[in-house]
PDB file of all heavy atoms in Angstrom:
ATOM      1  N   ASN A   1     178.564 138.576  83.387  1.00  0.00           N
ATOM      2  CA  ASN A   1     177.220 139.161  83.380  1.00  0.00           C
ATOM      3  C   ASN A   1     176.821 139.631  84.778  1.00  0.00           C
ATOM      4  O   ASN A   1     176.265 140.720  84.942  1.00  0.00           O
ATOM      5  CB  ASN A   1     176.188 138.160  82.860  1.00  0.00           C
ATOM      6  CG  ASN A   1     176.407 137.803  81.414  1.00  0.00           C
ATOM      7  OD1 ASN A   1     176.933 138.596  80.645  1.00  0.00           O
ATOM      8  ND2 ASN A   1     176.012 136.605  81.035  1.00  0.00           N
ATOM      9  N   VAL A   2     177.105 138.808  85.786  1.00  0.00           N
ATOM     10  CA  VAL A   2     176.801 139.187  87.168  1.00  0.00           C
ATOM     11  C   VAL A   2     177.621 140.413  87.555  1.00  0.00           C
ATOM     12  O   VAL A   2     177.099 141.342  88.185  1.00  0.00           O
ATOM     13  CB  VAL A   2     177.069 138.009  88.132  1.00  0.00           C
ATOM     14  CG1 VAL A   2     177.004 138.456  89.585  1.00  0.00           C
ATOM     15  CG2 VAL A   2     176.080 136.883  87.875  1.00  0.00           C
ATOM     16  N   ALA A   3     178.890 140.458  87.154  1.00  0.00           N
ATOM     17  CA  ALA A   3     179.739 141.609  87.475  1.00  0.00           C
ATOM     18  C   ALA A   3     179.171 142.888  86.873  1.00  0.00           C
ATOM     19  O   ALA A   3     179.149 143.933  87.529  1.00  0.00           O
ATOM     20  CB  ALA A   3     181.159 141.371  86.970  1.00  0.00           C
ATOM     21  N   ASP A   4     178.682 142.828  85.637  1.00  0.00           N
ATOM     22  CA  ASP A   4     178.081 144.011  85.006  1.00  0.00           C
ATOM     23  C   ASP A   4     176.849 144.478  85.768  1.00  0.00           C
ATOM     24  O   ASP A   4     176.656 145.675  85.989  1.00  0.00           O
ATOM     25  CB  ASP A   4     177.711 143.720  83.549  1.00  0.00           C
ATOM     26  CG  ASP A   4     178.932 143.601  82.650  1.00  0.00           C
ATOM     27  OD1 ASP A   4     180.009 144.110  83.029  1.00  0.00           O
ATOM     28  OD2 ASP A   4     178.793 142.992  81.574  1.00  0.00           O
ATOM     29  N   LYS A   5     176.016 143.536  86.200  1.00  0.00           N
ATOM     30  CA  LYS A   5     174.806 143.896  86.953  1.00  0.00           C
ATOM     31  C   LYS A   5     175.164 144.512  88.310  1.00  0.00           C
ATOM     32  O   LYS A   5     174.522 145.449  88.765  1.00  0.00           O
ATOM     33  CB  LYS A   5     173.914 142.679  87.114  1.00  0.00           C
ATOM     34  CG  LYS A   5     173.235 142.288  85.815  1.00  0.00           C
ATOM     35  CD  LYS A   5     172.321 141.110  86.014  1.00  0.00           C
ATOM     36  CE  LYS A   5     171.482 140.887  84.799  1.00  0.00           C
ATOM     37  NZ  LYS A   5     171.951 140.032  83.812  1.00  0.00           N
ATOM     38  N   LEU A   6     176.197 143.983  88.940  1.00  0.00           N
ATOM     39  CA  LEU A   6     176.636 144.536  90.228  1.00  0.00           C
ATOM     40  C   LEU A   6     177.185 145.953  90.054  1.00  0.00           C
ATOM     41  O   LEU A   6     176.943 146.823  90.887  1.00  0.00           O
ATOM     42  CB  LEU A   6     177.681 143.627  90.871  1.00  0.00           C
ATOM     43  CG  LEU A   6     177.161 142.284  91.383  1.00  0.00           C
ATOM     44  CD1 LEU A   6     178.305 141.341  91.670  1.00  0.00           C
ATOM     45  CD2 LEU A   6     176.291 142.486  92.609  1.00  0.00           C
ATOM     46  N   ARG A   7     177.918 146.187  88.976  1.00  0.00           N
ATOM     47  CA  ARG A   7     178.440 147.537  88.711  1.00  0.00           C
ATOM     48  C   ARG A   7     177.305 148.535  88.499  1.00  0.00           C
ATOM     49  O   ARG A   7     177.424 149.697  88.868  1.00  0.00           O
ATOM     50  CB  ARG A   7     179.368 147.510  87.500  1.00  0.00           C
ATOM     51  CG  ARG A   7     180.711 146.894  87.797  1.00  0.00           C
ATOM     52  CD  ARG A   7     181.669 146.987  86.620  1.00  0.00           C
ATOM     53  NE  ARG A   7     182.865 146.210  86.869  1.00  0.00           N
ATOM     54  CZ  ARG A   7     183.113 145.023  86.332  1.00  0.00           C
ATOM     55  NH1 ARG A   7     182.283 144.483  85.456  1.00  0.00           N
ATOM     56  NH2 ARG A   7     184.222 144.383  86.635  1.00  0.00           N
ATOM     57  N   GLN A   8     176.199 148.099  87.918  1.00  0.00           N
ATOM     58  CA  GLN A   8     175.031 148.968  87.737  1.00  0.00           C
ATOM     59  C   GLN A   8     174.468 149.410  89.085  1.00  0.00           C
ATOM     60  O   GLN A   8     173.882 150.477  89.200  1.00  0.00           O
ATOM     61  CB  GLN A   8     173.946 148.261  86.918  1.00  0.00           C
ATOM     62  CG  GLN A   8     174.320 148.070  85.475  1.00  0.00           C
ATOM     63  CD  GLN A   8     173.319 147.219  84.722  1.00  0.00           C
ATOM     64  OE1 GLN A   8     172.290 146.807  85.253  1.00  0.00           O
ATOM     65  NE2 GLN A   8     173.626 146.939  83.454  1.00  0.00           N
ATOM     66  N   HIS A   9     174.652 148.580  90.114  1.00  0.00           N
ATOM     67  CA  HIS A   9     174.226 148.918  91.478  1.00  0.00           C
ATOM     68  C   HIS A   9     175.337 149.615  92.256  1.00  0.00           C
ATOM     69  O   HIS A   9     175.243 149.771  93.471  1.00  0.00           O
ATOM     70  CB  HIS A   9     173.782 147.658  92.224  1.00  0.00           C
ATOM     71  CG  HIS A   9     172.485 147.094  91.742  1.00  0.00           C
ATOM     72  ND1 HIS A   9     171.273 147.630  92.087  1.00  0.00           N
ATOM     73  CD2 HIS A   9     172.223 146.053  90.916  1.00  0.00           C
ATOM     74  CE1 HIS A   9     170.312 146.932  91.510  1.00  0.00           C
ATOM     75  NE2 HIS A   9     170.864 145.971  90.790  1.00  0.00           N
ATOM     76  N   ARG A  10     176.404 149.998  91.556  1.00  0.00           N
ATOM     77  CA  ARG A  10     177.558 150.694  92.138  1.00  0.00           C
ATOM     78  C   ARG A  10     178.242 149.892  93.233  1.00  0.00           C
ATOM     79  O   ARG A  10     178.617 150.425  94.289  1.00  0.00           O
ATOM     80  CB  ARG A  10     177.153 152.063  92.635  1.00  0.00           C
ATOM     81  CG  ARG A  10     176.687 152.921  91.485  1.00  0.00           C
ATOM     82  CD  ARG A  10     176.525 154.320  91.847  1.00  0.00           C
ATOM     83  NE  ARG A  10     176.192 155.026  90.609  1.00  0.00           N
ATOM     84  CZ  ARG A  10     175.551 156.146  90.571  1.00  0.00           C
ATOM     85  NH1 ARG A  10     175.188 156.733  91.670  1.00  0.00           N
ATOM     86  NH2 ARG A  10     175.281 156.708  89.420  1.00  0.00           N
ATOM     87  N   ILE A  11     178.396 148.611  92.968  1.00  0.00           N
ATOM     88  CA  ILE A  11     179.103 147.713  93.872  1.00  0.00           C
ATOM     89  C   ILE A  11     180.447 147.390  93.232  1.00  0.00           C
ATOM     90  O   ILE A  11     180.514 147.052  92.049  1.00  0.00           O
ATOM     91  CB  ILE A  11     178.284 146.424  94.121  1.00  0.00           C
ATOM     92  CG1 ILE A  11     176.977 146.778  94.846  1.00  0.00           C
ATOM     93  CG2 ILE A  11     179.097 145.409  94.912  1.00  0.00           C
ATOM     94  CD1 ILE A  11     176.017 145.624  94.986  1.00  0.00           C
ATOM     95  N   GLY A  12     181.529 147.504  94.011  1.00  0.00           N
ATOM     96  CA  GLY A  12     182.867 147.180  93.500  1.00  0.00           C
ATOM     97  C   GLY A  12     182.980 145.698  93.202  1.00  0.00           C
ATOM     98  O   GLY A  12     182.572 144.863  94.003  1.00  0.00           O
ATOM     99  N   VAL A  13     183.522 145.381  92.034  1.00  0.00           N
ATOM    100  CA  VAL A  13     183.570 143.991  91.577  1.00  0.00           C
ATOM    101  C   VAL A  13     184.940 143.671  90.984  1.00  0.00           C
ATOM    102  O   VAL A  13     185.544 144.516  90.327  1.00  0.00           O
ATOM    103  CB  VAL A  13     182.505 143.757  90.478  1.00  0.00           C
ATOM    104  CG1 VAL A  13     182.556 142.333  89.969  1.00  0.00           C
ATOM    105  CG2 VAL A  13     181.125 144.087  90.970  1.00  0.00           C
ATOM    106  N   MET A  14     185.411 142.435  91.209  1.00  0.00           N
ATOM    107  CA  MET A  14     186.602 141.922  90.540  1.00  0.00           C
ATOM    108  C   MET A  14     186.303 140.511  90.033  1.00  0.00           C
ATOM    109  O   MET A  14     185.753 139.689  90.778  1.00  0.00           O
ATOM    110  CB  MET A  14     187.800 141.871  91.480  1.00  0.00           C
ATOM    111  CG  MET A  14     188.553 143.167  91.570  1.00  0.00           C
ATOM    112  SD  MET A  14     190.198 142.957  92.239  1.00  0.00           S
ATOM    113  CE  MET A  14     189.909 143.340  93.947  1.00  0.00           C
ATOM    114  N   VAL A  15     186.657 140.279  88.787  1.00  0.00           N
ATOM    115  CA  VAL A  15     186.580 138.958  88.177  1.00  0.00           C
ATOM    116  C   VAL A  15     187.909 138.741  87.454  1.00  0.00           C
ATOM    117  O   VAL A  15     188.034 139.092  86.280  1.00  0.00           O
ATOM    118  CB  VAL A  15     185.388 138.839  87.190  1.00  0.00           C
ATOM    119  CG1 VAL A  15     185.330 137.436  86.606  1.00  0.00           C
ATOM    120  CG2 VAL A  15     184.077 139.195  87.865  1.00  0.00           C
ATOM    121  N   PRO A  16     188.919 138.203  88.143  1.00  0.00           N
ATOM    122  CA  PRO A  16     190.224 138.020  87.512  1.00  0.00           C
ATOM    123  C   PRO A  16     190.140 137.105  86.290  1.00  0.00           C
ATOM    124  O   PRO A  16     189.481 136.069  86.322  1.00  0.00           O
ATOM    125  CB  PRO A  16     191.077 137.377  88.605  1.00  0.00           C
ATOM    126  CG  PRO A  16     190.380 137.704  89.877  1.00  0.00           C
ATOM    127  CD  PRO A  16     188.927 137.781  89.540  1.00  0.00           C
ATOM    128  N   GLN A  17     190.828 137.536  85.212  1.00  0.00           N
ATOM    129  CA  GLN A  17     190.846 136.775  83.968  1.00  0.00           C
ATOM    130  C   GLN A  17     192.285 136.627  83.477  1.00  0.00           C
ATOM    131  O   GLN A  17     193.169 137.355  83.899  1.00  0.00           O
ATOM    132  CB  GLN A  17     190.043 137.500  82.894  1.00  0.00           C
ATOM    133  CG  GLN A  17     188.581 137.684  83.235  1.00  0.00           C
ATOM    134  CD  GLN A  17     187.878 138.457  82.145  1.00  0.00           C
ATOM    135  OE1 GLN A  17     187.775 137.962  81.028  1.00  0.00           O
ATOM    136  NE2 GLN A  17     187.436 139.655  82.454  1.00  0.00           N
ATOM    137  N   GLU A  18     192.476 135.700  82.576  1.00  0.00           N
ATOM    138  CA  GLU A  18     193.778 135.505  81.951  1.00  0.00           C
ATOM    139  C   GLU A  18     193.590 135.272  80.461  1.00  0.00           C
ATOM    140  O   GLU A  18     192.548 134.802  80.022  1.00  0.00           O
ATOM    141  CB  GLU A  18     194.507 134.314  82.560  1.00  0.00           C
ATOM    142  CG  GLU A  18     193.865 132.980  82.227  1.00  0.00           C
ATOM    143  CD  GLU A  18     194.676 131.780  82.650  1.00  0.00           C
ATOM    144  OE1 GLU A  18     195.915 131.885  82.741  1.00  0.00           O
ATOM    145  OE2 GLU A  18     194.073 130.729  82.875  1.00  0.00           O
ATOM    146  N   GLN A  19     194.622 135.612  79.697  1.00  0.00           N
ATOM    147  CA  GLN A  19     194.653 135.280  78.278  1.00  0.00           C
ATOM    148  C   GLN A  19     195.372 133.948  78.146  1.00  0.00           C
ATOM    149  O   GLN A  19     196.505 133.805  78.609  1.00  0.00           O
ATOM    150  CB  GLN A  19     195.412 136.331  77.474  1.00  0.00           C
ATOM    151  CG  GLN A  19     194.673 137.592  77.261  1.00  0.00           C
ATOM    152  CD  GLN A  19     195.471 138.542  76.359  1.00  0.00           C
ATOM    153  OE1 GLN A  19     196.660 138.365  76.129  1.00  0.00           O
ATOM    154  NE2 GLN A  19     194.791 139.546  75.869  1.00  0.00           N
ATOM    155  N   ARG A  20     194.718 132.974  77.521  1.00  0.00           N
ATOM    156  CA  ARG A  20     195.345 131.674  77.304  1.00  0.00           C
ATOM    157  C   ARG A  20     195.670 131.497  75.832  1.00  0.00           C
ATOM    158  O   ARG A  20     194.898 131.890  74.963  1.00  0.00           O
ATOM    159  CB  ARG A  20     194.410 130.545  77.723  1.00  0.00           C
ATOM    160  CG  ARG A  20     194.271 130.395  79.195  1.00  0.00           C
ATOM    161  CD  ARG A  20     193.518 129.138  79.535  1.00  0.00           C
ATOM    162  NE  ARG A  20     193.140 129.165  80.938  1.00  0.00           N
ATOM    163  CZ  ARG A  20     192.215 128.391  81.468  1.00  0.00           C
ATOM    164  NH1 ARG A  20     191.569 127.517  80.713  1.00  0.00           N
ATOM    165  NH2 ARG A  20     191.927 128.488  82.743  1.00  0.00           N
ATOM    166  N   ALA A  21     196.795 130.889  75.584  1.00  0.00           N
ATOM    167  CA  ALA A  21     197.198 130.577  74.216  1.00  0.00           C
ATOM    168  C   ALA A  21     196.467 129.302  73.795  1.00  0.00           C
ATOM    169  O   ALA A  21     196.551 128.281  74.469  1.00  0.00           O
ATOM    170  CB  ALA A  21     198.700 130.382  74.137  1.00  0.00           C
ATOM    171  N   ILE A  22     195.740 129.390  72.692  1.00  0.00           N
ATOM    172  CA  ILE A  22     194.983 128.263  72.159  1.00  0.00           C
ATOM    173  C   ILE A  22     195.488 127.993  70.744  1.00  0.00           C
ATOM    174  O   ILE A  22     195.531 128.901  69.917  1.00  0.00           O
ATOM    175  CB  ILE A  22     193.468 128.583  72.106  1.00  0.00           C
ATOM    176  CG1 ILE A  22     192.952 129.054  73.463  1.00  0.00           C
ATOM    177  CG2 ILE A  22     192.672 127.405  71.572  1.00  0.00           C
ATOM    178  CD1 ILE A  22     192.927 127.999  74.524  1.00  0.00           C
ATOM    179  N   ARG A  23     195.842 126.755  70.482  1.00  0.00           N
ATOM    180  CA  ARG A  23     196.297 126.402  69.131  1.00  0.00           C
ATOM    181  C   ARG A  23     195.094 125.908  68.337  1.00  0.00           C
ATOM    182  O   ARG A  23     194.413 124.975  68.726  1.00  0.00           O
ATOM    183  CB  ARG A  23     197.377 125.341  69.186  1.00  0.00           C
ATOM    184  CG  ARG A  23     198.002 125.120  67.839  1.00  0.00           C
ATOM    185  CD  ARG A  23     199.228 124.243  67.972  1.00  0.00           C
ATOM    186  NE  ARG A  23     199.786 123.991  66.661  1.00  0.00           N
ATOM    187  CZ  ARG A  23     200.878 124.567  66.202  1.00  0.00           C
ATOM    188  NH1 ARG A  23     201.537 125.413  66.960  1.00  0.00           N
ATOM    189  NH2 ARG A  23     201.321 124.291  65.003  1.00  0.00           N
ATOM    190  N   SER A  24     194.849 126.567  67.216  1.00  0.00           N
ATOM    191  CA  SER A  24     193.718 126.218  66.364  1.00  0.00           C
ATOM    192  C   SER A  24     194.125 126.410  64.910  1.00  0.00           C
ATOM    193  O   SER A  24     194.670 127.457  64.546  1.00  0.00           O
ATOM    194  CB  SER A  24     192.529 127.110  66.719  1.00  0.00           C
ATOM    195  OG  SER A  24     191.461 126.888  65.841  1.00  0.00           O
ATOM    196  N   ALA A  25     193.838 125.415  64.090  1.00  0.00           N
ATOM    197  CA  ALA A  25     194.145 125.461  62.663  1.00  0.00           C
ATOM    198  C   ALA A  25     195.620 125.763  62.400  1.00  0.00           C
ATOM    199  O   ALA A  25     195.960 126.521  61.493  1.00  0.00           O
ATOM    200  CB  ALA A  25     193.249 126.470  61.953  1.00  0.00           C
ATOM    201  N   GLY A  26     196.501 125.226  63.253  1.00  0.00           N
ATOM    202  CA  GLY A  26     197.932 125.368  63.040  1.00  0.00           C
ATOM    203  C   GLY A  26     198.558 126.659  63.516  1.00  0.00           C
ATOM    204  O   GLY A  26     199.743 126.876  63.344  1.00  0.00           O
ATOM    205  N   SER A  27     197.775 127.541  64.135  1.00  0.00           N
ATOM    206  CA  SER A  27     198.353 128.792  64.645  1.00  0.00           C
ATOM    207  C   SER A  27     197.848 129.052  66.059  1.00  0.00           C
ATOM    208  O   SER A  27     196.830 128.516  66.484  1.00  0.00           O
ATOM    209  CB  SER A  27     198.000 129.967  63.720  1.00  0.00           C
ATOM    210  OG  SER A  27     196.609 130.149  63.673  1.00  0.00           O
ATOM    211  N   TRP A  28     198.583 129.888  66.758  1.00  0.00           N
ATOM    212  CA  TRP A  28     198.243 130.221  68.144  1.00  0.00           C
ATOM    213  C   TRP A  28     197.366 131.468  68.189  1.00  0.00           C
ATOM    214  O   TRP A  28     197.632 132.448  67.508  1.00  0.00           O
ATOM    215  CB  TRP A  28     199.519 130.467  68.964  1.00  0.00           C
ATOM    216  CG  TRP A  28     200.283 129.207  69.210  1.00  0.00           C
ATOM    217  CD1 TRP A  28     201.335 128.731  68.503  1.00  0.00           C
ATOM    218  CD2 TRP A  28     200.037 128.257  70.241  1.00  0.00           C
ATOM    219  NE1 TRP A  28     201.768 127.534  69.025  1.00  0.00           N
ATOM    220  CE2 TRP A  28     200.987 127.221  70.103  1.00  0.00           C
ATOM    221  CE3 TRP A  28     199.108 128.170  71.272  1.00  0.00           C
ATOM    222  CZ2 TRP A  28     201.033 126.118  70.946  1.00  0.00           C
ATOM    223  CZ3 TRP A  28     199.162 127.082  72.119  1.00  0.00           C
ATOM    224  CH2 TRP A  28     200.112 126.075  71.954  1.00  0.00           C
ATOM    225  N   HIS A  29     196.308 131.390  69.008  1.00  0.00           N
ATOM    226  CA  HIS A  29     195.398 132.512  69.238  1.00  0.00           C
ATOM    227  C   HIS A  29     195.260 132.690  70.743  1.00  0.00           C
ATOM    228  O   HIS A  29     195.519 131.764  71.513  1.00  0.00           O
ATOM    229  CB  HIS A  29     194.018 132.232  68.638  1.00  0.00           C
ATOM    230  CG  HIS A  29     194.049 131.871  67.191  1.00  0.00           C
ATOM    231  ND1 HIS A  29     194.136 132.807  66.200  1.00  0.00           N
ATOM    232  CD2 HIS A  29     194.014 130.663  66.563  1.00  0.00           C
ATOM    233  CE1 HIS A  29     194.148 132.206  65.030  1.00  0.00           C
ATOM    234  NE2 HIS A  29     194.090 130.897  65.218  1.00  0.00           N
ATOM    235  N   TYR A  30     194.833 133.856  71.170  1.00  0.00           N
ATOM    236  CA  TYR A  30     194.635 134.109  72.590  1.00  0.00           C
ATOM    237  C   TYR A  30     193.155 134.314  72.876  1.00  0.00           C
ATOM    238  O   TYR A  30     192.455 134.988  72.126  1.00  0.00           O
ATOM    239  CB  TYR A  30     195.441 135.328  73.050  1.00  0.00           C
ATOM    240  CG  TYR A  30     196.920 135.057  73.032  1.00  0.00           C
ATOM    241  CD1 TYR A  30     197.697 135.431  71.943  1.00  0.00           C
ATOM    242  CD2 TYR A  30     197.534 134.389  74.079  1.00  0.00           C
ATOM    243  CE1 TYR A  30     199.049 135.152  71.908  1.00  0.00           C
ATOM    244  CE2 TYR A  30     198.884 134.102  74.057  1.00  0.00           C
ATOM    245  CZ  TYR A  30     199.633 134.491  72.975  1.00  0.00           C
ATOM    246  OH  TYR A  30     200.971 134.208  72.947  1.00  0.00           O
ATOM    247  N   LYS A  31     192.703 133.703  73.978  1.00  0.00           N
ATOM    248  CA  LYS A  31     191.306 133.814  74.394  1.00  0.00           C
ATOM    249  C   LYS A  31     191.273 134.105  75.889  1.00  0.00           C
ATOM    250  O   LYS A  31     192.085 133.569  76.644  1.00  0.00           O
ATOM    251  CB  LYS A  31     190.568 132.509  74.082  1.00  0.00           C
ATOM    252  CG  LYS A  31     189.093 132.563  74.353  1.00  0.00           C
ATOM    253  CD  LYS A  31     188.405 131.282  73.927  1.00  0.00           C
ATOM    254  CE  LYS A  31     186.937 131.370  74.295  1.00  0.00           C
ATOM    255  NZ  LYS A  31     186.245 130.115  74.054  1.00  0.00           N
ATOM    256  N   ASP A  32     190.343 134.961  76.323  1.00  0.00           N
ATOM    257  CA  ASP A  32     190.216 135.315  77.742  1.00  0.00           C
ATOM    258  C   ASP A  32     189.421 134.252  78.487  1.00  0.00           C
ATOM    259  O   ASP A  32     188.388 133.782  78.009  1.00  0.00           O
ATOM    260  CB  ASP A  32     189.528 136.670  77.895  1.00  0.00           C
ATOM    261  CG  ASP A  32     190.353 137.808  77.325  1.00  0.00           C
ATOM    262  OD1 ASP A  32     191.550 137.605  77.066  1.00  0.00           O
ATOM    263  OD2 ASP A  32     189.796 138.911  77.145  1.00  0.00           O
ATOM    264  N   PHE A  33     189.920 133.872  79.681  1.00  0.00           N
ATOM    265  CA  PHE A  33     189.254 132.908  80.552  1.00  0.00           C
ATOM    266  C   PHE A  33     189.173 133.485  81.963  1.00  0.00           C
ATOM    267  O   PHE A  33     190.115 134.134  82.421  1.00  0.00           O
ATOM    268  CB  PHE A  33     190.037 131.591  80.613  1.00  0.00           C
ATOM    269  CG  PHE A  33     189.888 130.734  79.392  1.00  0.00           C
ATOM    270  CD1 PHE A  33     190.713 130.920  78.300  1.00  0.00           C
ATOM    271  CD2 PHE A  33     188.917 129.755  79.338  1.00  0.00           C
ATOM    272  CE1 PHE A  33     190.587 130.138  77.173  1.00  0.00           C
ATOM    273  CE2 PHE A  33     188.780 128.964  78.207  1.00  0.00           C
ATOM    274  CZ  PHE A  33     189.615 129.155  77.125  1.00  0.00           C
ATOM    275  N   VAL A  34     188.088 133.195  82.668  1.00  0.00           N
ATOM    276  CA  VAL A  34     187.928 133.597  84.070  1.00  0.00           C
ATOM    277  C   VAL A  34     188.776 132.644  84.917  1.00  0.00           C
ATOM    278  O   VAL A  34     188.711 131.415  84.744  1.00  0.00           O
ATOM    279  CB  VAL A  34     186.441 133.538  84.486  1.00  0.00           C
ATOM    280  CG1 VAL A  34     186.280 133.795  85.969  1.00  0.00           C
ATOM    281  CG2 VAL A  34     185.628 134.545  83.675  1.00  0.00           C
ATOM    282  N   LEU A  35     189.580 133.193  85.833  1.00  0.00           N
ATOM    283  CA  LEU A  35     190.459 132.367  86.666  1.00  0.00           C
ATOM    284  C   LEU A  35     189.684 131.542  87.693  1.00  0.00           C
ATOM    285  O   LEU A  35     189.948 130.364  87.875  1.00  0.00           O
ATOM    286  CB  LEU A  35     191.481 133.239  87.398  1.00  0.00           C
ATOM    287  CG  LEU A  35     192.651 133.734  86.565  1.00  0.00           C
ATOM    288  CD1 LEU A  35     193.529 134.660  87.384  1.00  0.00           C
ATOM    289  CD2 LEU A  35     193.471 132.574  86.056  1.00  0.00           C
TER     290      LEU A  35
END
């Protein structure tokens, strides 16, 4: 949310994220997490 607000002010922003494998209900799913 902060990154979006900063982009509105034309400020360069980086928020590194990763996809993590999460096992739920017997199968693997991927969810994005902030590093």
